[in-house]
Amino acid sequence: MRQEPPGPRPLPLLGNILQLDLQRPYRTLCELSKKYGSVFTVYFGSKKVVVLAGYKTVKEALVEYAEEFGERDILPIFYDVNHGHGILFANGESWKELRRFSLTTLRDFGMGKPFNPKHSVNYATSNIISSIVYGSRFEYDDPQFQSLVRQSNENLHVIGSASVQLYNMFPRLFGWIKNRQVVLKNTESNRMNSRSLIENLKETLNPHICRGLVDCFLNRKQKAEDSHTNSHYTETNLVLTVSNLFVAGTDTTSATLRWALLLMAKYPHIQGRRVCLGESLAKMELFLFFTSLLQHFRFTPPPGVTEDELDLTPAVGFTLCPLPQKLCAVSRQG
């Protein structure tokens, strides 16, 4: 019998939750890695979780053993939301097919091309995804667009809360919690918006001209139906794939940029000119977005606030975003 990685002794049913900071579990896990090493075991309730700590360990697992680590564990809160469909929280052949389709289609419609970052980071990144997925962008004062962004951000914040962590460990006991209902309500609202947008695109669908990912998906779906073959190109997978792309594509880019701007303001000495990091890196839209900002602005704390007073503590959420803070963008041409 293979020996499992070391770790703190779990309690019956509770596991190690009494040792975890459920608001910021990454802190506890970092501390445990100092004692038990880069690979260790903890129990979230009765669920055994093997934790990989550190860049080298994670890279070895995901690169050298990509096949073994290829599937994603679906937490109860994400199963409630996706039911195993879409591309973010799904596994197996459906996930492989939809991921392949989404990546190919996103590249065809402009993923990786530069854009002009005029407005706030959140709306800008959301609109990039919208233009690729739907074939058109939203006005920033569009109530439907604002609702999509607001509810997606709220879900990511709520999913990282302690109450949802408890639900993921004990779904039968904590299915009643308010934050779970918030996630489900926001998810259904966003899906209704997505269905409405998809229906509008259906009415003007031209099989010879694809405006975005939705058109490509609908054409694939129609071909499968015409040939009477079973496929993963279903209405459910379309709505969930669109929703997954909107949330994931917006939050990861937005959070990274917000961290970058905050770090520029906190450590102003690193905002000077630098040698280009290379053509391959320049193909990344995030790099292009960020360097475009730095070419035109220096980022500083607001008047009366020092660099040391800028707080780098992450906000509680499923992803680690910076806390809301005001920064000043000072034109380099001034």
Protein backbone atom coordinates (compact mmCIF):
# COMPACT_ATOMS: atom_id res chain seq x y z
CA MET A 1 0.00 0.00 0.00
CA ARG A 2 1.43 3.38 -1.04
CA GLN A 3 2.08 5.75 1.87
CA GLU A 4 0.19 9.03 1.56
CA PRO A 5 1.96 12.38 2.02
CA PRO A 6 2.39 13.60 5.62
CA GLY A 7 0.05 16.09 7.22
CA PRO A 8 -1.71 17.11 10.43
CA ARG A 9 -3.82 14.46 12.11
CA PRO A 10 -7.50 14.88 11.13
CA LEU A 11 -10.46 14.69 13.49
CA PRO A 12 -13.36 12.34 12.70
CA LEU A 13 -15.84 14.01 10.30
CA LEU A 14 -14.31 17.48 10.84
CA GLY A 15 -10.93 16.66 9.36
CA ASN A 16 -8.55 19.61 9.75
CA ILE A 17 -11.04 22.48 9.44
CA LEU A 18 -10.36 23.66 13.01
CA GLN A 19 -6.75 24.30 11.94
CA LEU A 20 -7.73 26.20 8.79
CA ASP A 21 -8.46 29.90 8.41
CA LEU A 22 -11.53 29.51 6.21
CA GLN A 23 -11.44 33.21 5.26
CA ARG A 24 -7.86 32.89 3.96
CA PRO A 25 -7.02 29.18 3.72
CA TYR A 26 -3.92 29.88 1.61
CA ARG A 27 -2.23 31.32 4.72
CA THR A 28 -2.80 28.17 6.75
CA LEU A 29 -1.67 25.94 3.89
CA CYS A 30 1.53 27.98 3.47
CA GLU A 31 2.28 27.57 7.17
CA LEU A 32 1.60 23.82 7.02
CA SER A 33 3.97 23.48 4.05
CA LYS A 34 6.80 24.81 6.23
CA LYS A 35 6.24 21.89 8.61
CA TYR A 36 5.24 19.06 6.27
CA GLY A 37 7.05 19.96 3.03
CA SER A 38 5.96 20.80 -0.50
CA VAL A 39 3.54 17.84 -0.75
CA PHE A 40 1.24 17.18 2.20
CA THR A 41 -2.25 15.97 3.07
CA VAL A 42 -5.10 17.82 4.76
CA TYR A 43 -8.73 16.87 5.24
CA PHE A 44 -11.51 19.33 4.38
CA GLY A 45 -14.14 17.58 6.45
CA SER A 46 -14.04 13.95 5.35
CA LYS A 47 -12.51 14.85 1.96
CA LYS A 48 -8.80 14.12 1.62
CA VAL A 49 -6.87 16.82 -0.24
CA VAL A 50 -3.22 16.58 -1.29
CA VAL A 51 -1.66 20.06 -1.37
CA LEU A 52 1.22 21.01 -3.67
CA ALA A 53 3.22 24.00 -2.42
CA GLY A 54 5.82 25.99 -4.31
CA TYR A 55 6.50 26.73 -7.96
CA LYS A 56 8.78 23.74 -8.63
CA THR A 57 6.36 21.21 -7.18
CA VAL A 58 3.33 22.60 -8.99
CA LYS A 59 5.25 22.83 -12.28
CA GLU A 60 6.45 19.24 -11.97
CA ALA A 61 2.90 18.02 -11.36
CA LEU A 62 1.20 20.03 -14.11
CA VAL A 63 3.94 19.76 -16.76
CA GLU A 64 5.74 16.46 -16.22
CA TYR A 65 2.62 14.62 -15.05
CA ALA A 66 0.03 16.55 -17.03
CA GLU A 67 -2.06 13.47 -17.85
CA GLU A 68 -2.33 12.35 -14.22
CA PHE A 69 -3.28 15.86 -13.06
CA GLY A 70 -5.45 16.66 -16.07
CA GLU A 71 -8.87 16.47 -14.40
CA ARG A 72 -10.29 19.01 -11.97
CA ASP A 73 -12.06 18.15 -8.74
CA ILE A 74 -15.56 19.60 -8.89
CA LEU A 75 -16.49 21.25 -5.59
CA PRO A 76 -20.17 21.04 -4.58
CA ILE A 77 -20.77 24.78 -5.12
CA PHE A 78 -19.46 24.53 -8.70
CA TYR A 79 -21.49 21.40 -9.41
CA ASP A 80 -24.57 23.33 -8.23
CA VAL A 81 -23.72 26.01 -10.78
CA ASN A 82 -22.48 23.98 -13.78
CA HIS A 83 -23.78 20.41 -13.31
CA GLY A 84 -20.68 19.06 -15.05
CA HIS A 85 -21.21 21.09 -18.24
CA GLY A 86 -19.18 23.92 -19.79
CA ILE A 87 -15.37 24.15 -19.75
CA LEU A 88 -14.36 25.48 -16.32
CA PHE A 89 -15.67 22.76 -14.04
CA ALA A 90 -16.12 19.70 -16.24
CA ASN A 91 -14.02 16.65 -17.08
CA GLY A 92 -13.81 13.90 -19.69
CA GLU A 93 -14.50 13.99 -23.42
CA SER A 94 -17.03 16.83 -23.21
CA TRP A 95 -14.45 19.09 -21.54
CA LYS A 96 -11.71 18.14 -24.02
CA GLU A 97 -13.92 18.79 -27.04
CA LEU A 98 -15.32 22.11 -25.80
CA ARG A 99 -11.92 23.33 -24.60
CA ARG A 100 -10.38 22.55 -28.00
CA PHE A 101 -13.23 24.29 -29.79
CA SER A 102 -13.13 27.35 -27.51
CA LEU A 103 -9.36 27.86 -27.77
CA THR A 104 -9.39 27.53 -31.57
CA THR A 105 -12.35 29.87 -31.96
CA LEU A 106 -11.00 32.47 -29.53
CA ARG A 107 -7.75 32.64 -31.49
CA ASP A 108 -9.65 33.03 -34.75
CA PHE A 109 -11.59 35.98 -33.34
CA GLY A 110 -8.67 37.94 -31.95
CA MET A 111 -7.36 36.49 -28.67
CA GLY A 112 -3.80 37.75 -28.34
CA LYS A 113 -4.25 40.95 -30.37
CA PRO A 114 -3.58 44.38 -28.81
CA PHE A 115 -6.36 46.77 -27.80
CA ASN A 116 -6.60 50.32 -26.52
CA PRO A 117 -7.13 50.37 -22.73
CA LYS A 118 -9.16 53.56 -22.24
CA HIS A 119 -11.59 52.70 -19.50
CA SER A 120 -11.68 50.86 -16.20
CA VAL A 121 -9.93 47.50 -16.14
CA ASN A 122 -12.98 45.45 -15.24
CA TYR A 123 -15.23 46.71 -18.02
CA ALA A 124 -12.39 46.72 -20.54
CA THR A 125 -11.49 43.07 -19.99
CA SER A 126 -15.16 42.05 -19.89
CA ASN A 127 -15.81 43.76 -23.20
CA ILE A 128 -12.88 42.00 -24.86
CA ILE A 129 -14.43 38.65 -23.96
CA SER A 130 -17.86 39.89 -25.08
CA SER A 131 -16.60 40.99 -28.48
CA ILE A 132 -14.96 37.60 -29.07
CA VAL A 133 -17.87 35.53 -27.75
CA TYR A 134 -20.85 37.51 -29.07
CA GLY A 135 -19.22 39.38 -31.93
CA SER A 136 -20.04 42.80 -30.48
CA ARG A 137 -19.20 44.93 -27.48
CA PHE A 138 -21.38 46.58 -24.85
CA GLU A 139 -21.63 50.23 -23.93
CA TYR A 140 -20.31 50.67 -20.40
CA ASP A 141 -23.61 52.16 -19.23
CA ASP A 142 -25.62 49.20 -20.60
CA PRO A 143 -27.64 47.83 -17.61
CA GLN A 144 -27.38 44.26 -18.94
CA PHE A 145 -23.59 44.51 -19.20
CA GLN A 146 -23.27 46.11 -15.76
CA SER A 147 -25.42 43.34 -14.29
CA LEU A 148 -23.27 40.62 -15.87
CA VAL A 149 -20.05 42.13 -14.52
CA ARG A 150 -21.47 42.94 -11.07
CA GLN A 151 -23.00 39.50 -10.49
CA SER A 152 -19.93 37.67 -11.78
CA ASN A 153 -17.70 39.65 -9.42
CA GLU A 154 -20.07 39.06 -6.49
CA ASN A 155 -20.07 35.31 -7.14
CA LEU A 156 -16.27 35.13 -7.13
CA HIS A 157 -16.18 37.03 -3.85
CA VAL A 158 -18.91 34.96 -2.19
CA ILE A 159 -17.50 31.60 -3.33
CA GLY A 160 -14.35 32.37 -1.33
CA SER A 161 -16.31 33.00 1.89
CA ALA A 162 -16.02 30.78 4.95
CA SER A 163 -19.66 29.69 4.72
CA VAL A 164 -19.22 28.39 1.16
CA GLN A 165 -16.02 26.62 2.22
CA LEU A 166 -18.07 24.83 4.88
CA TYR A 167 -20.72 23.96 2.31
CA ASN A 168 -18.08 22.45 0.02
CA MET A 169 -16.90 20.25 2.91
CA PHE A 170 -20.37 19.31 4.19
CA PRO A 171 -22.84 19.89 1.31
CA ARG A 172 -25.65 17.92 2.96
CA LEU A 173 -25.46 19.95 6.16
CA PHE A 174 -24.96 23.46 4.79
CA GLY A 175 -27.09 23.52 1.63
CA TRP A 176 -29.29 26.16 3.25
CA ILE A 177 -26.60 28.85 3.68
CA LYS A 178 -27.40 32.31 2.31
CA ASN A 179 -24.20 32.66 0.27
CA ARG A 180 -25.00 29.50 -1.69
CA GLN A 181 -28.39 30.96 -2.58
CA VAL A 182 -26.67 34.21 -3.66
CA VAL A 183 -24.39 32.26 -6.02
CA LEU A 184 -27.28 30.29 -7.51
CA LYS A 185 -29.43 33.42 -7.93
CA ASN A 186 -26.63 35.38 -9.63
CA THR A 187 -25.78 32.40 -11.83
CA GLU A 188 -29.36 31.98 -13.02
CA SER A 189 -29.66 35.72 -13.69
CA ASN A 190 -26.46 35.70 -15.77
CA ARG A 191 -27.62 32.64 -17.68
CA MET A 192 -30.91 34.34 -18.50
CA ASN A 193 -28.91 37.27 -19.88
CA SER A 194 -26.71 34.87 -21.86
CA ARG A 195 -29.74 33.01 -23.26
CA SER A 196 -31.29 36.32 -24.31
CA LEU A 197 -28.11 37.37 -26.12
CA ILE A 198 -27.81 33.95 -27.78
CA GLU A 199 -31.44 34.05 -28.94
CA ASN A 200 -30.83 37.46 -30.52
CA LEU A 201 -27.83 36.05 -32.39
CA LYS A 202 -29.86 33.04 -33.55
CA GLU A 203 -32.35 35.32 -35.28
CA THR A 204 -29.64 36.81 -37.49
CA LEU A 205 -27.39 33.75 -37.78
CA ASN A 206 -25.61 33.39 -41.12
CA PRO A 207 -23.83 30.02 -41.50
CA HIS A 208 -21.33 31.62 -43.89
CA ILE A 209 -20.34 34.55 -41.62
CA CYS A 210 -19.37 33.90 -38.00
CA ARG A 211 -19.41 37.00 -35.80
CA GLY A 212 -18.04 35.27 -32.70
CA LEU A 213 -17.79 32.07 -30.72
CA VAL A 214 -21.57 31.76 -30.29
CA ASP A 215 -22.13 31.72 -34.07
CA CYS A 216 -19.44 29.06 -34.53
CA PHE A 217 -20.98 26.94 -31.78
CA LEU A 218 -24.49 27.26 -33.25
CA ASN A 219 -23.20 26.21 -36.67
CA ARG A 220 -21.50 23.14 -35.18
CA LYS A 221 -24.71 22.32 -33.30
CA GLN A 222 -26.80 22.61 -36.46
CA LYS A 223 -24.44 20.35 -38.44
CA ALA A 224 -24.63 17.69 -35.71
CA GLU A 225 -28.43 17.87 -35.71
CA ASP A 226 -28.61 17.67 -39.51
CA SER A 227 -26.46 14.53 -39.50
CA HIS A 228 -28.46 13.04 -36.60
CA THR A 229 -25.33 12.45 -34.52
CA ASN A 230 -24.91 12.88 -30.78
CA SER A 231 -22.48 15.64 -29.86
CA HIS A 232 -21.38 17.88 -27.02
CA TYR A 233 -22.64 20.96 -28.92
CA THR A 234 -25.86 21.35 -26.93
CA GLU A 235 -27.82 24.39 -25.78
CA THR A 236 -26.80 23.73 -22.17
CA ASN A 237 -23.10 23.51 -23.00
CA LEU A 238 -23.32 26.69 -25.09
CA VAL A 239 -24.86 28.75 -22.28
CA LEU A 240 -22.41 27.38 -19.70
CA THR A 241 -19.37 27.76 -21.95
CA VAL A 242 -20.27 31.38 -22.66
CA SER A 243 -20.84 32.03 -18.93
CA ASN A 244 -17.57 30.29 -18.00
CA LEU A 245 -15.57 32.31 -20.52
CA PHE A 246 -17.11 35.58 -19.38
CA VAL A 247 -16.31 34.96 -15.70
CA ALA A 248 -12.88 33.37 -16.11
CA GLY A 249 -11.69 35.64 -18.90
CA THR A 250 -12.70 38.76 -17.02
CA ASP A 251 -11.59 38.01 -13.48
CA THR A 252 -8.14 36.54 -14.10
CA THR A 253 -7.02 39.37 -16.39
CA SER A 254 -8.64 42.09 -14.30
CA ALA A 255 -7.19 40.81 -11.02
CA THR A 256 -3.69 40.51 -12.50
CA LEU A 257 -3.80 44.05 -13.86
CA ARG A 258 -5.11 45.46 -10.60
CA TRP A 259 -2.30 43.75 -8.69
CA ALA A 260 0.22 45.06 -11.20
CA LEU A 261 -1.00 48.66 -10.93
CA LEU A 262 -1.06 48.46 -7.13
CA LEU A 263 2.53 47.14 -7.08
CA MET A 264 3.62 49.92 -9.44
CA ALA A 265 2.27 52.49 -7.00
CA LYS A 266 3.77 50.77 -3.95
CA TYR A 267 7.21 50.28 -5.54
CA PRO A 268 7.60 53.30 -7.88
CA HIS A 269 11.32 52.69 -8.48
CA ILE A 270 10.52 49.73 -10.77
CA GLN A 271 8.50 51.83 -13.22
CA GLY A 272 11.48 52.91 -15.28
CA ARG A 273 12.34 51.79 -18.80
CA ARG A 274 13.17 48.12 -19.30
CA VAL A 275 14.61 45.99 -22.07
CA CYS A 276 11.86 44.20 -24.02
CA LEU A 277 11.26 40.76 -22.56
CA GLY A 278 10.93 39.19 -25.97
CA GLU A 279 8.58 38.61 -28.86
CA SER A 280 6.92 35.54 -27.37
CA LEU A 281 5.85 37.44 -24.27
CA ALA A 282 4.67 40.36 -26.39
CA LYS A 283 2.02 38.11 -27.92
CA MET A 284 0.17 37.98 -24.64
CA GLU A 285 -2.71 40.45 -24.43
CA LEU A 286 -2.09 41.01 -20.72
CA PHE A 287 1.50 42.09 -21.40
CA LEU A 288 0.35 44.45 -24.14
CA PHE A 289 -2.37 45.94 -21.94
CA PHE A 290 -0.02 46.52 -19.02
CA THR A 291 2.91 47.93 -21.00
CA SER A 292 0.53 50.29 -22.80
CA LEU A 293 -0.54 51.66 -19.43
CA LEU A 294 3.06 52.06 -18.24
CA GLN A 295 4.07 53.83 -21.45
CA HIS A 296 1.53 56.57 -20.78
CA PHE A 297 1.31 56.76 -16.98
CA ARG A 298 3.18 56.46 -13.70
CA PHE A 299 1.10 54.99 -10.88
CA THR A 300 1.38 56.53 -7.41
CA PRO A 301 -0.53 56.48 -4.12
CA PRO A 302 -3.09 59.27 -3.69
CA PRO A 303 -2.03 62.47 -1.89
CA GLY A 304 -1.46 61.89 1.81
CA VAL A 305 -0.77 58.17 1.42
CA THR A 306 2.75 56.69 1.35
CA GLU A 307 3.91 53.60 -0.52
CA ASP A 308 4.26 51.76 2.80
CA GLU A 309 0.60 52.41 3.58
CA LEU A 310 -0.66 50.62 0.46
CA ASP A 311 -2.08 47.30 1.65
CA LEU A 312 -1.11 44.17 -0.30
CA THR A 313 -3.41 41.90 1.71
CA PRO A 314 -5.72 40.05 -0.73
CA ALA A 315 -9.48 40.40 -0.50
CA VAL A 316 -11.44 37.31 0.50
CA GLY A 317 -12.70 35.48 -2.57
CA PHE A 318 -12.23 32.47 -4.83
CA THR A 319 -9.39 34.33 -6.55
CA LEU A 320 -6.94 36.59 -4.70
CA CYS A 321 -7.78 40.12 -5.86
CA PRO A 322 -6.37 43.26 -4.21
CA LEU A 323 -8.52 45.18 -1.75
CA PRO A 324 -10.23 48.29 -3.21
CA GLN A 325 -7.72 51.15 -3.10
CA LYS A 326 -7.38 54.48 -4.86
CA LEU A 327 -4.34 55.11 -7.07
CA CYS A 328 -3.22 58.10 -9.12
CA ALA A 329 -2.31 57.73 -12.80
CA VAL A 330 0.21 60.49 -13.60
CA SER A 331 0.73 61.18 -17.30
CA ARG A 332 4.33 60.72 -18.44
CA GLN A 333 3.82 63.49 -20.99
CA GLY A 334 3.01 66.09 -18.36
